[in-house]
C-alpha atoms as a PDB file:
ATOM      1  CA  MET A   1     -14.373  16.921 -11.748  1.00  0.00           C
ATOM      2  CA  ASN A   2     -11.186  14.934 -12.055  1.00  0.00           C
ATOM      3  CA  GLY A   3     -10.881  11.470 -10.537  1.00  0.00           C
ATOM      4  CA  GLY A   4      -9.332  12.767  -7.330  1.00  0.00           C
ATOM      5  CA  GLU A   5     -12.277  15.103  -6.763  1.00  0.00           C
ATOM      6  CA  ILE A   6     -14.747  12.275  -7.403  1.00  0.00           C
ATOM      7  CA  ILE A   7     -12.993  10.053  -4.859  1.00  0.00           C
ATOM      8  CA  ALA A   8     -12.963  12.843  -2.269  1.00  0.00           C
ATOM      9  CA  LYS A   9     -16.688  13.390  -2.691  1.00  0.00           C
ATOM     10  CA  VAL A  10     -17.413   9.673  -2.246  1.00  0.00           C
ATOM     11  CA  LEU A  11     -15.306   9.603   0.926  1.00  0.00           C
ATOM     12  CA  GLN A  12     -17.167  12.604   2.290  1.00  0.00           C
ATOM     13  CA  LYS A  13     -20.507  10.954   1.565  1.00  0.00           C
ATOM     14  CA  GLN A  14     -19.375   7.815   3.407  1.00  0.00           C
ATOM     15  CA  GLY A  15     -18.693   9.883   6.532  1.00  0.00           C
ATOM     16  CA  VAL A  16     -14.895   9.882   6.271  1.00  0.00           C
ATOM     17  CA  LYS A  17     -13.369  12.714   8.314  1.00  0.00           C
ATOM     18  CA  PHE A  18      -9.691  11.728   8.207  1.00  0.00           C
ATOM     19  CA  LEU A  19      -7.428  10.625   5.370  1.00  0.00           C
ATOM     20  CA  PHE A  20      -3.952   9.273   6.082  1.00  0.00           C
ATOM     21  CA  THR A  21      -1.279   9.441   3.406  1.00  0.00           C
ATOM     22  CA  LEU A  22       2.355   9.808   2.500  1.00  0.00           C
ATOM     23  CA  CYS A  23       2.542  12.287  -0.357  1.00  0.00           C
ATOM     24  CA  GLY A  24       3.201  10.853  -3.796  1.00  0.00           C
ATOM     25  CA  GLY A  25       2.642  12.156  -7.301  1.00  0.00           C
ATOM     26  CA  HIS A  26       0.588   9.161  -8.364  1.00  0.00           C
ATOM     27  CA  VAL A  27      -2.159   9.982  -5.853  1.00  0.00           C
ATOM     28  CA  SER A  28      -1.845  13.733  -5.252  1.00  0.00           C
ATOM     29  CA  PRO A  29      -5.316  14.612  -6.649  1.00  0.00           C
ATOM     30  CA  ILE A  30      -6.942  12.453  -3.961  1.00  0.00           C
ATOM     31  CA  PHE A  31      -5.534  14.140  -0.873  1.00  0.00           C
ATOM     32  CA  VAL A  32      -5.554  17.613  -2.418  1.00  0.00           C
ATOM     33  CA  SER A  33      -9.242  17.250  -3.276  1.00  0.00           C
ATOM     34  CA  ALA A  34     -10.045  15.718   0.117  1.00  0.00           C
ATOM     35  CA  GLN A  35      -8.472  18.637   1.940  1.00  0.00           C
ATOM     36  CA  ASN A  36     -10.339  21.112  -0.275  1.00  0.00           C
ATOM     37  CA  ILE A  37     -13.721  19.745   0.870  1.00  0.00           C
ATOM     38  CA  GLY A  38     -12.900  19.583   4.572  1.00  0.00           C
ATOM     39  CA  ILE A  39     -11.522  16.082   5.096  1.00  0.00           C
ATOM     40  CA  ARG A  40      -8.516  16.314   7.397  1.00  0.00           C
ATOM     41  CA  VAL A  41      -5.422  15.017   5.583  1.00  0.00           C
ATOM     42  CA  ILE A  42      -2.651  13.651   7.805  1.00  0.00           C
ATOM     43  CA  ASP A  43       0.730  13.063   6.158  1.00  0.00           C
ATOM     44  CA  THR A  44       2.788  10.329   7.848  1.00  0.00           C
ATOM     45  CA  ARG A  45       6.474   9.473   7.674  1.00  0.00           C
ATOM     46  CA  HIS A  46       6.010   5.866   6.540  1.00  0.00           C
ATOM     47  CA  GLU A  47       3.259   4.207   4.531  1.00  0.00           C
ATOM     48  CA  VAL A  48       2.696   1.475   7.095  1.00  0.00           C
ATOM     49  CA  ASN A  49       1.547   4.147   9.544  1.00  0.00           C
ATOM     50  CA  THR A  50      -1.144   5.353   7.146  1.00  0.00           C
ATOM     51  CA  VAL A  51      -2.867   1.994   7.507  1.00  0.00           C
ATOM     52  CA  PHE A  52      -2.211   1.631  11.247  1.00  0.00           C
ATOM     53  CA  ALA A  53      -3.845   5.042  11.722  1.00  0.00           C
ATOM     54  CA  ALA A  54      -6.763   4.217   9.426  1.00  0.00           C
ATOM     55  CA  ASP A  55      -7.238   0.964  11.338  1.00  0.00           C
ATOM     56  CA  ALA A  56      -7.417   2.889  14.628  1.00  0.00           C
ATOM     57  CA  VAL A  57     -10.041   5.254  13.205  1.00  0.00           C
ATOM     58  CA  SER A  58     -12.110   2.279  12.038  1.00  0.00           C
ATOM     59  CA  ARG A  59     -12.088   0.644  15.450  1.00  0.00           C
ATOM     60  CA  LEU A  60     -12.879   3.801  17.393  1.00  0.00           C
ATOM     61  CA  THR A  61     -15.535   5.388  15.168  1.00  0.00           C
ATOM     62  CA  GLY A  62     -17.209   2.582  13.239  1.00  0.00           C
ATOM     63  CA  VAL A  63     -16.501   4.436   9.966  1.00  0.00           C
ATOM     64  CA  PRO A  64     -13.901   2.649   7.810  1.00  0.00           C
ATOM     65  CA  GLY A  65     -10.582   4.453   7.944  1.00  0.00           C
ATOM     66  CA  VAL A  66      -8.960   5.466   4.665  1.00  0.00           C
ATOM     67  CA  ALA A  67      -5.288   5.355   3.707  1.00  0.00           C
ATOM     68  CA  VAL A  68      -3.830   6.645   0.434  1.00  0.00           C
ATOM     69  CA  VAL A  69      -0.354   5.612  -0.729  1.00  0.00           C
ATOM     70  CA  THR A  70       1.635   5.865  -3.921  1.00  0.00           C
ATOM     71  CA  ALA A  71       2.434   3.000  -6.275  1.00  0.00           C
ATOM     72  CA  GLY A  72       4.979   0.196  -5.933  1.00  0.00           C
ATOM     73  CA  PRO A  73       7.039   0.422  -2.724  1.00  0.00           C
ATOM     74  CA  GLY A  74       4.549   2.902  -1.319  1.00  0.00           C
ATOM     75  CA  LEU A  75       1.945   0.157  -1.417  1.00  0.00           C
ATOM     76  CA  THR A  76       4.135  -2.770  -0.400  1.00  0.00           C
ATOM     77  CA  ASN A  77       5.250  -0.809   2.675  1.00  0.00           C
ATOM     78  CA  THR A  78       1.682  -1.145   4.022  1.00  0.00           C
ATOM     79  CA  ILE A  79       1.508  -4.961   4.024  1.00  0.00           C
ATOM     80  CA  THR A  80       2.142  -5.517   7.748  1.00  0.00           C
ATOM     81  CA  ALA A  81      -0.554  -3.054   8.800  1.00  0.00           C
ATOM     82  CA  VAL A  82      -3.035  -4.356   6.219  1.00  0.00           C
ATOM     83  CA  LYS A  83      -2.630  -7.926   7.459  1.00  0.00           C
ATOM     84  CA  ASN A  84      -2.930  -6.713  11.044  1.00  0.00           C
ATOM     85  CA  ALA A  85      -6.273  -5.091  10.167  1.00  0.00           C
ATOM     86  CA  ALA A  86      -7.420  -8.294   8.483  1.00  0.00           C
ATOM     87  CA  LEU A  87      -6.609 -10.394  11.556  1.00  0.00           C
ATOM     88  CA  ALA A  88      -8.296  -7.816  13.786  1.00  0.00           C
ATOM     89  CA  GLN A  89     -11.383  -7.853  11.516  1.00  0.00           C
ATOM     90  CA  SER A  90     -11.115  -4.109  11.086  1.00  0.00           C
ATOM     91  CA  PRO A  91     -12.783  -2.474   8.065  1.00  0.00           C
ATOM     92  CA  LEU A  92     -10.657  -0.009   6.145  1.00  0.00           C
ATOM     93  CA  ILE A  93     -10.098   1.283   2.627  1.00  0.00           C
ATOM     94  CA  LEU A  94      -6.609   1.407   1.121  1.00  0.00           C
ATOM     95  CA  LEU A  95      -6.272   3.475  -2.055  1.00  0.00           C
ATOM     96  CA  GLY A  96      -3.056   2.873  -3.958  1.00  0.00           C
ATOM     97  CA  GLY A  97      -1.583   4.717  -6.897  1.00  0.00           C
ATOM     98  CA  ALA A  98      -0.549   2.892 -10.057  1.00  0.00           C
ATOM     99  CA  ALA A  99       1.009   3.452 -13.453  1.00  0.00           C
ATOM    100  CA  ALA A 100      -1.180   4.934 -16.172  1.00  0.00           C
ATOM    101  CA  THR A 101      -3.604   2.413 -17.641  1.00  0.00           C
ATOM    102  CA  ILE A 102      -1.998   2.771 -21.070  1.00  0.00           C
ATOM    103  CA  LEU A 103       1.484   2.021 -19.683  1.00  0.00           C
ATOM    104  CA  LYS A 104       0.842  -0.936 -17.357  1.00  0.00           C
ATOM    105  CA  GLY A 105       3.365  -3.714 -17.723  1.00  0.00           C
ATOM    106  CA  ARG A 106       5.742  -1.602 -19.813  1.00  0.00           C
ATOM    107  CA  GLY A 107       8.222  -0.559 -17.141  1.00  0.00           C
ATOM    108  CA  SER A 108       6.610   2.658 -15.983  1.00  0.00           C
ATOM    109  CA  LEU A 109       7.721   4.244 -12.699  1.00  0.00           C
ATOM    110  CA  GLN A 110       6.970   1.930  -9.742  1.00  0.00           C
ATOM    111  CA  ASP A 111       4.837  -0.321 -11.939  1.00  0.00           C
ATOM    112  CA  ILE A 112       4.372  -3.761 -10.352  1.00  0.00           C
ATOM    113  CA  ASP A 113       1.565  -6.336 -10.207  1.00  0.00           C
ATOM    114  CA  GLN A 114      -0.073  -4.831  -7.126  1.00  0.00           C
ATOM    115  CA  LEU A 115      -3.338  -6.790  -7.249  1.00  0.00           C
ATOM    116  CA  SER A 116      -1.598 -10.170  -6.934  1.00  0.00           C
ATOM    117  CA  ILE A 117       0.128  -8.944  -3.788  1.00  0.00           C
ATOM    118  CA  MET A 118      -2.894  -7.344  -2.152  1.00  0.00           C
ATOM    119  CA  ARG A 119      -5.322 -10.196  -2.842  1.00  0.00           C
ATOM    120  CA  ALA A 120      -3.343 -12.265  -0.347  1.00  0.00           C
ATOM    121  CA  VAL A 121      -4.035  -9.853   2.527  1.00  0.00           C
ATOM    122  CA  CYS A 122      -7.334  -8.114   1.686  1.00  0.00           C
ATOM    123  CA  LYS A 123     -10.990  -9.109   1.615  1.00  0.00           C
ATOM    124  CA  TRP A 124     -11.276  -7.663  -1.876  1.00  0.00           C
ATOM    125  CA  SER A 125      -8.806  -6.047  -4.251  1.00  0.00           C
ATOM    126  CA  THR A 126      -9.684  -4.316  -7.497  1.00  0.00           C
ATOM    127  CA  THR A 127      -8.507  -1.702  -9.970  1.00  0.00           C
ATOM    128  CA  ILE A 128     -10.196   1.256 -11.622  1.00  0.00           C
ATOM    129  CA  SER A 129      -9.830   1.299 -15.405  1.00  0.00           C
ATOM    130  CA  LYS A 130     -12.236   4.135 -16.275  1.00  0.00           C
ATOM    131  CA  VAL A 131     -13.160   7.360 -14.506  1.00  0.00           C
ATOM    132  CA  LYS A 132     -16.855   6.466 -14.525  1.00  0.00           C
ATOM    133  CA  GLU A 133     -16.052   3.332 -12.480  1.00  0.00           C
ATOM    134  CA  ILE A 134     -14.759   5.298  -9.493  1.00  0.00           C
ATOM    135  CA  VAL A 135     -18.064   5.878  -7.697  1.00  0.00           C
ATOM    136  CA  PRO A 136     -19.531   2.345  -7.957  1.00  0.00           C
ATOM    137  CA  THR A 137     -16.144   0.789  -7.169  1.00  0.00           C
ATOM    138  CA  LEU A 138     -15.659   2.832  -3.997  1.00  0.00           C
ATOM    139  CA  GLU A 139     -19.261   2.281  -2.904  1.00  0.00           C
ATOM    140  CA  LYS A 140     -18.715  -1.467  -3.235  1.00  0.00           C
ATOM    141  CA  ALA A 141     -15.389  -1.188  -1.407  1.00  0.00           C
ATOM    142  CA  PHE A 142     -17.056   0.405   1.627  1.00  0.00           C
ATOM    143  CA  ALA A 143     -19.795  -2.241   1.587  1.00  0.00           C
ATOM    144  CA  VAL A 144     -17.386  -5.183   1.303  1.00  0.00           C
ATOM    145  CA  ALA A 145     -15.088  -3.816   4.010  1.00  0.00           C
ATOM    146  CA  GLN A 146     -17.974  -3.754   6.510  1.00  0.00           C
ATOM    147  CA  GLU A 147     -20.141  -6.741   5.559  1.00  0.00           C
ATOM    148  CA  GLY A 148     -19.822 -10.182   7.121  1.00  0.00           C
ATOM    149  CA  VAL A 149     -16.458 -10.430   8.811  1.00  0.00           C
ATOM    150  CA  PRO A 150     -15.049  -6.886   8.398  1.00  0.00           C
ATOM    151  CA  GLY A 151     -11.634  -6.341   6.866  1.00  0.00           C
ATOM    152  CA  PRO A 152      -9.424  -4.241   4.591  1.00  0.00           C
ATOM    153  CA  VAL A 153     -10.163  -3.557   0.918  1.00  0.00           C
ATOM    154  CA  PHE A 154      -7.657  -2.367  -1.676  1.00  0.00           C
ATOM    155  CA  VAL A 155      -8.587  -0.155  -4.630  1.00  0.00           C
ATOM    156  CA  GLU A 156      -5.890   0.536  -7.211  1.00  0.00           C
ATOM    157  CA  CYS A 157      -6.144   4.006  -8.749  1.00  0.00           C
ATOM    158  CA  PRO A 158      -4.036   4.443 -11.902  1.00  0.00           C
ATOM    159  CA  ILE A 159      -2.608   7.925 -12.241  1.00  0.00           C
ATOM    160  CA  ASP A 160      -4.505   8.721 -15.454  1.00  0.00           C
ATOM    161  CA  THR A 161      -7.856   8.055 -13.740  1.00  0.00           C
ATOM    162  CA  LEU A 162      -7.114  10.730 -11.130  1.00  0.00           C
ATOM    163  CA  TYR A 163      -5.930  13.790 -13.064  1.00  0.00           C
ATOM    164  CA  GLY A 164      -7.970  15.994 -15.407  1.00  0.00           C
ATOM    165  CA  GLU A 165      -8.786  14.842 -18.926  1.00  0.00           C
ATOM    166  CA  GLU A 166      -6.984  17.660 -20.709  1.00  0.00           C
ATOM    167  CA  LEU A 167      -3.778  17.066 -18.771  1.00  0.00           C
ATOM    168  CA  VAL A 168      -3.922  13.303 -19.288  1.00  0.00           C
ATOM    169  CA  ARG A 169      -4.519  13.717 -23.007  1.00  0.00           C
ATOM    170  CA  SER A 170      -1.473  15.977 -23.174  1.00  0.00           C
ATOM    171  CA  TRP A 171       0.558  13.220 -21.493  1.00  0.00           C
ATOM    172  CA  TYR A 172      -0.741  10.780 -24.048  1.00  0.00           C
ATOM    173  CA  GLY A 173      -0.139  13.191 -26.921  1.00  0.00           C
ATOM    174  CA  ALA A 174      -3.733  12.426 -27.821  1.00  0.00           C
ATOM    175  CA  LYS A 175      -5.280  15.874 -27.643  1.00  0.00           C
ATOM    176  CA  SER A 176      -3.565  17.485 -30.606  1.00  0.00           C
ATOM    177  CA  LYS A 177      -3.934  16.931 -34.292  1.00  0.00           C
ATOM    178  CA  GLU A 178      -1.422  19.628 -35.116  1.00  0.00           C
ATOM    179  CA  THR A 179       1.245  17.076 -35.982  1.00  0.00           C
ATOM    180  CA  PRO A 180      -0.190  14.545 -38.412  1.00  0.00           C
ATOM    181  CA  PRO A 181       1.265  11.026 -38.434  1.00  0.00           C
ATOM    182  CA  ARG A 182       4.161  10.621 -40.838  1.00  0.00           C
ATOM    183  CA  ASN A 183       3.482   6.990 -41.708  1.00  0.00           C
ATOM    184  CA  PHE A 184       1.042   4.140 -41.264  1.00  0.00           C
ATOM    185  CA  GLN A 185       2.631   2.967 -38.004  1.00  0.00           C
ATOM    186  CA  GLU A 186       2.323   6.403 -36.421  1.00  0.00           C
ATOM    187  CA  ARG A 187      -1.263   6.608 -37.675  1.00  0.00           C
ATOM    188  CA  ILE A 188      -2.139   3.344 -35.916  1.00  0.00           C
ATOM    189  CA  VAL A 189      -0.427   4.443 -32.689  1.00  0.00           C
ATOM    190  CA  GLN A 190      -2.244   7.779 -32.689  1.00  0.00           C
ATOM    191  CA  TRP A 191      -5.562   6.067 -33.367  1.00  0.00           C
ATOM    192  CA  TYR A 192      -5.016   3.673 -30.465  1.00  0.00           C
ATOM    193  CA  ILE A 193      -3.980   6.428 -28.043  1.00  0.00           C
ATOM    194  CA  ASN A 194      -7.069   8.474 -28.907  1.00  0.00           C
ATOM    195  CA  TYR A 195      -9.263   5.389 -28.644  1.00  0.00           C
ATOM    196  CA  HIS A 196      -7.851   4.542 -25.209  1.00  0.00           C
ATOM    197  CA  ALA A 197      -8.255   8.119 -23.951  1.00  0.00           C
ATOM    198  CA  LYS A 198     -11.833   8.250 -25.212  1.00  0.00           C
ATOM    199  CA  ASN A 199     -12.719   5.063 -23.319  1.00  0.00           C
ATOM    200  CA  LEU A 200     -10.885   6.192 -20.200  1.00  0.00           C
ATOM    201  CA  PHE A 201     -13.013   9.330 -19.848  1.00  0.00           C
ATOM    202  CA  ALA A 202     -16.246   8.094 -21.457  1.00  0.00           C
ATOM    203  CA  GLY A 203     -19.246   8.804 -19.230  1.00  0.00           C
ATOM    204  CA  LYS A 204     -17.309  10.840 -16.661  1.00  0.00           C
ATOM    205  CA  ASP A 205     -19.726  13.767 -16.913  1.00  0.00           C
ATOM    206  CA  SER A 206     -22.668  11.547 -15.974  1.00  0.00           C
ATOM    207  CA  VAL A 207     -21.140  10.382 -12.687  1.00  0.00           C
ATOM    208  CA  SER A 208     -23.802  10.334  -9.968  1.00  0.00           C
ATOM    209  CA  PHE A 209     -23.523  10.465  -6.187  1.00  0.00           C
ATOM    210  CA  ASP A 210     -27.239   9.894  -5.594  1.00  0.00           C
ATOM    211  CA  ALA A 211     -27.149   6.256  -4.466  1.00  0.00           C
ATOM    212  CA  PRO A 212     -27.837   5.940  -0.711  1.00  0.00           C
ATOM    213  CA  VAL A 213     -24.967   4.914   1.536  1.00  0.00           C
ATOM    214  CA  GLN A 214     -25.229   1.208   2.306  1.00  0.00           C
ATOM    215  CA  LYS A 215     -25.300   0.612   6.053  1.00  0.00           C
ATOM    216  CA  PRO A 216     -23.388  -2.412   7.372  1.00  0.00           C
ATOM    217  CA  ALA A 217     -25.491  -5.356   8.503  1.00  0.00           C
ATOM    218  CA  TYR A 218     -24.443  -6.418  11.988  1.00  0.00           C
ATOM    219  CA  PRO A 219     -25.065  -9.990  13.212  1.00  0.00           C
ATOM    220  CA  THR A 220     -28.489 -10.534  14.778  1.00  0.00           C
ATOM    221  CA  HIS A 221     -30.093 -13.366  16.715  1.00  0.00           C
ATOM    222  CA  SER A 222     -33.584 -14.823  16.549  1.00  0.00           C
ATOM    223  CA  SER A 223     -35.964 -14.515  19.461  1.00  0.00           C
ATOM    224  CA  SER A 224     -35.705 -18.273  20.054  1.00  0.00           C
ATOM    225  CA  GLN A 225     -31.928 -18.016  20.369  1.00  0.00           C
ATOM    226  CA  VAL A 226     -32.290 -15.152  22.842  1.00  0.00           C
ATOM    227  CA  ASP A 227     -34.864 -17.122  24.855  1.00  0.00           C
ATOM    228  CA  LYS A 228     -32.518 -20.098  24.957  1.00  0.00           C
ATOM    229  CA  ALA A 229     -29.694 -17.920  26.265  1.00  0.00           C
ATOM    230  CA  ILE A 230     -31.989 -16.454  28.932  1.00  0.00           C
ATOM    231  CA  SER A 231     -33.039 -19.902  30.158  1.00  0.00           C
ATOM    232  CA  LYS A 232     -29.422 -21.015  30.407  1.00  0.00           C
ATOM    233  CA  LEU A 233     -28.537 -17.880  32.355  1.00  0.00           C
ATOM    234  CA  LYS A 234     -31.373 -18.437  34.819  1.00  0.00           C
ATOM    235  CA  ALA A 235     -30.239 -22.018  35.402  1.00  0.00           C
ATOM    236  CA  ALA A 236     -26.561 -21.167  35.852  1.00  0.00           C
ATOM    237  CA  ASN A 237     -24.971 -20.836  39.281  1.00  0.00           C
ATOM    238  CA  LYS A 238     -21.533 -19.591  38.224  1.00  0.00           C
ATOM    239  CA  PRO A 239     -21.754 -17.850  34.838  1.00  0.00           C
ATOM    240  CA  VAL A 240     -18.874 -15.869  33.390  1.00  0.00           C
ATOM    241  CA  MET A 241     -18.767 -13.615  30.337  1.00  0.00           C
ATOM    242  CA  LEU A 242     -15.916 -12.847  27.925  1.00  0.00           C
ATOM    243  CA  VAL A 243     -16.350  -9.703  25.811  1.00  0.00           C
ATOM    244  CA  GLY A 244     -13.998  -9.069  22.881  1.00  0.00           C
ATOM    245  CA  SER A 245     -13.586  -7.137  19.662  1.00  0.00           C
ATOM    246  CA  GLY A 246     -16.459  -8.887  17.907  1.00  0.00           C
ATOM    247  CA  ALA A 247     -18.913  -7.313  20.337  1.00  0.00           C
ATOM    248  CA  MET A 248     -17.571  -3.867  19.454  1.00  0.00           C
ATOM    249  CA  MET A 249     -18.224  -3.975  15.699  1.00  0.00           C
ATOM    250  CA  ASN A 250     -20.526  -1.010  16.185  1.00  0.00           C
ATOM    251  CA  PRO A 251     -18.579   1.246  18.579  1.00  0.00           C
ATOM    252  CA  LYS A 252     -21.387   3.803  18.556  1.00  0.00           C
ATOM    253  CA  LYS A 253     -23.386   1.384  20.706  1.00  0.00           C
ATOM    254  CA  ALA A 254     -20.638   0.833  23.255  1.00  0.00           C
ATOM    255  CA  ASP A 255     -22.631   2.619  25.989  1.00  0.00           C
ATOM    256  CA  GLU A 256     -25.632   0.372  25.364  1.00  0.00           C
ATOM    257  CA  LEU A 257     -23.414  -2.710  25.524  1.00  0.00           C
ATOM    258  CA  ALA A 258     -21.823  -1.544  28.788  1.00  0.00           C
ATOM    259  CA  ALA A 259     -25.260  -0.920  30.289  1.00  0.00           C
ATOM    260  CA  ALA A 260     -26.450  -4.397  29.257  1.00  0.00           C
ATOM    261  CA  VAL A 261     -23.378  -6.105  30.716  1.00  0.00           C
ATOM    262  CA  THR A 262     -23.783  -4.189  33.963  1.00  0.00           C
ATOM    263  CA  LYS A 263     -27.476  -5.062  34.170  1.00  0.00           C
ATOM    264  CA  LEU A 264     -26.767  -8.767  33.713  1.00  0.00           C
ATOM    265  CA  GLY A 265     -24.468  -8.605  36.734  1.00  0.00           C
ATOM    266  CA  ILE A 266     -22.200 -11.410  35.537  1.00  0.00           C
ATOM    267  CA  PRO A 267     -18.439 -11.454  36.172  1.00  0.00           C
ATOM    268  CA  VAL A 268     -16.790 -10.386  32.917  1.00  0.00           C
ATOM    269  CA  TYR A 269     -13.379 -10.447  31.281  1.00  0.00           C
ATOM    270  CA  LEU A 270     -12.652  -7.826  28.617  1.00  0.00           C
ATOM    271  CA  SER A 271     -10.233  -8.281  25.724  1.00  0.00           C
ATOM    272  CA  GLY A 272      -9.345  -6.697  22.399  1.00  0.00           C
ATOM    273  CA  MET A 273     -11.492  -3.677  21.618  1.00  0.00           C
ATOM    274  CA  GLY A 274     -13.669  -4.568  24.608  1.00  0.00           C
ATOM    275  CA  ARG A 275     -10.987  -3.243  26.954  1.00  0.00           C
ATOM    276  CA  GLY A 276     -12.153  -0.201  28.870  1.00  0.00           C
ATOM    277  CA  LEU A 277     -15.823  -0.903  28.136  1.00  0.00           C
ATOM    278  CA  LEU A 278     -16.880  -0.715  31.797  1.00  0.00           C
ATOM    279  CA  GLY A 279     -14.516   2.013  32.966  1.00  0.00           C
ATOM    280  CA  LYS A 280     -12.142   1.768  35.916  1.00  0.00           C
ATOM    281  CA  GLU A 281     -14.497   1.185  38.823  1.00  0.00           C
ATOM    282  CA  ASN A 282     -16.986  -1.483  37.712  1.00  0.00           C
ATOM    283  CA  ASN A 283     -16.816  -4.388  40.158  1.00  0.00           C
ATOM    284  CA  LEU A 284     -17.987  -6.914  37.570  1.00  0.00           C
ATOM    285  CA  GLN A 285     -14.758  -6.707  35.595  1.00  0.00           C
ATOM    286  CA  MET A 286     -12.251  -9.423  36.434  1.00  0.00           C
ATOM    287  CA  ARG A 287      -8.631  -8.902  35.449  1.00  0.00           C
ATOM    288  CA  HIS A 288      -6.781 -12.041  36.536  1.00  0.00           C
ATOM    289  CA  HIS A 289      -7.137 -15.847  36.695  1.00  0.00           C
ATOM    290  CA  ARG A 290      -9.411 -16.076  33.661  1.00  0.00           C
ATOM    291  CA  LYS A 291      -8.461 -19.709  33.053  1.00  0.00           C
ATOM    292  CA  ASP A 292      -9.415 -20.621  36.628  1.00  0.00           C
ATOM    293  CA  ALA A 293     -12.693 -18.694  36.374  1.00  0.00           C
ATOM    294  CA  ILE A 294     -13.609 -20.555  33.200  1.00  0.00           C
ATOM    295  CA  LYS A 295     -12.735 -23.872  34.811  1.00  0.00           C
ATOM    296  CA  GLU A 296     -14.980 -23.177  37.823  1.00  0.00           C
ATOM    297  CA  SER A 297     -17.951 -21.745  35.883  1.00  0.00           C
ATOM    298  CA  ASP A 298     -20.995 -23.682  34.688  1.00  0.00           C
ATOM    299  CA  LEU A 299     -21.894 -21.277  31.866  1.00  0.00           C
ATOM    300  CA  ILE A 300     -19.571 -19.280  29.621  1.00  0.00           C
ATOM    301  CA  ILE A 301     -20.797 -16.479  27.365  1.00  0.00           C
ATOM    302  CA  LEU A 302     -18.454 -15.621  24.505  1.00  0.00           C
ATOM    303  CA  ALA A 303     -19.426 -12.171  23.253  1.00  0.00           C
ATOM    304  CA  GLY A 304     -17.326 -11.488  20.174  1.00  0.00           C
ATOM    305  CA  VAL A 305     -14.507 -13.715  21.428  1.00  0.00           C
ATOM    306  CA  PRO A 306     -13.235 -16.529  19.163  1.00  0.00           C
ATOM    307  CA  ASN A 307     -12.011 -19.860  20.447  1.00  0.00           C
ATOM    308  CA  ASP A 308      -8.472 -19.136  19.266  1.00  0.00           C
ATOM    309  CA  PHE A 309      -5.031 -19.405  20.880  1.00  0.00           C
ATOM    310  CA  ARG A 310      -6.094 -17.108  23.717  1.00  0.00           C
ATOM    311  CA  LEU A 311      -8.522 -19.795  24.909  1.00  0.00           C
ATOM    312  CA  ASP A 312      -6.209 -22.633  23.913  1.00  0.00           C
ATOM    313  CA  TYR A 313      -8.488 -23.263  20.906  1.00  0.00           C
ATOM    314  CA  GLY A 314     -11.399 -24.125  23.183  1.00  0.00           C
ATOM    315  CA  ASN A 315      -9.512 -26.434  25.522  1.00  0.00           C
ATOM    316  CA  HIS A 316      -9.921 -23.934  28.396  1.00  0.00           C
ATOM    317  CA  ILE A 317     -13.658 -24.309  28.002  1.00  0.00           C
ATOM    318  CA  GLY A 318     -13.636 -28.054  27.434  1.00  0.00           C
ATOM    319  CA  GLY A 319     -17.043 -29.689  27.603  1.00  0.00           C
ATOM    320  CA  ARG A 320     -18.673 -26.922  29.659  1.00  0.00           C
ATOM    321  CA  LYS A 321     -21.725 -25.057  28.486  1.00  0.00           C
ATOM    322  CA  PHE A 322     -21.069 -21.907  26.529  1.00  0.00           C
ATOM    323  CA  ILE A 323     -23.077 -19.490  24.405  1.00  0.00           C
END
């Protein structure tokens, strides 16, 4: 398999059903291979939309969305959407093309220092330097994107890690010994090119997909913490609940969350990805005067809602009890 086929197989194993891209030669083997194994490839008109779409898939399915863009301006065009995903704590994988490993920093097409840029907006940014690194790197990318506070991860995929070995060696001029070097300088250059190509593809035939998919660890609470919350609820006369995106980290359990909120019978305000949780008709959902409701309550439950600007950094709650 070439690098693009390896990536596609990893994505399939991780449960990815959609891949968003804007076609580019640097990354063509990825989306071609993905389509060949049944992953739906959606070509957008601007790179920023690849990440916006991947972000939406992440939030709605619980499986990190995947965007694939070409090198240089193709990648920098995604910055706004990547930062939006980071602020929304949305897990996603951004795969970006790059110049060949042997040509980095030498003025190749669309060759820029992409890692320095992406480290400022991603949870983790890394590059692939050998074909055999693709599987473990992507497996780690999916784990990092979902662990702790979820967020976007960037994996740089140089063009020579994605295409077939024979083709890449022909680009390098490393496959043929038909034209012997004419002098010592050419001999050294040919030796280095062959050495680099050998390292680039070393171990590619032993790539394994056998490692189990790592499931994300969602936040849990001890029984004593749950008991404490129950006692506070029983003692409260005017409790109110705020449910936000943090409570929807596992969207597959949205029905269970809705049932629990309904069973508690507490007035609730929904925000972020919590919107729509209870449907149109649930009488528990309050839509207006949240600040007044908080002011009049004696117990406030924040379910996946941070004390940020939307709550005046906690000043709306003040010294009242909250969980």
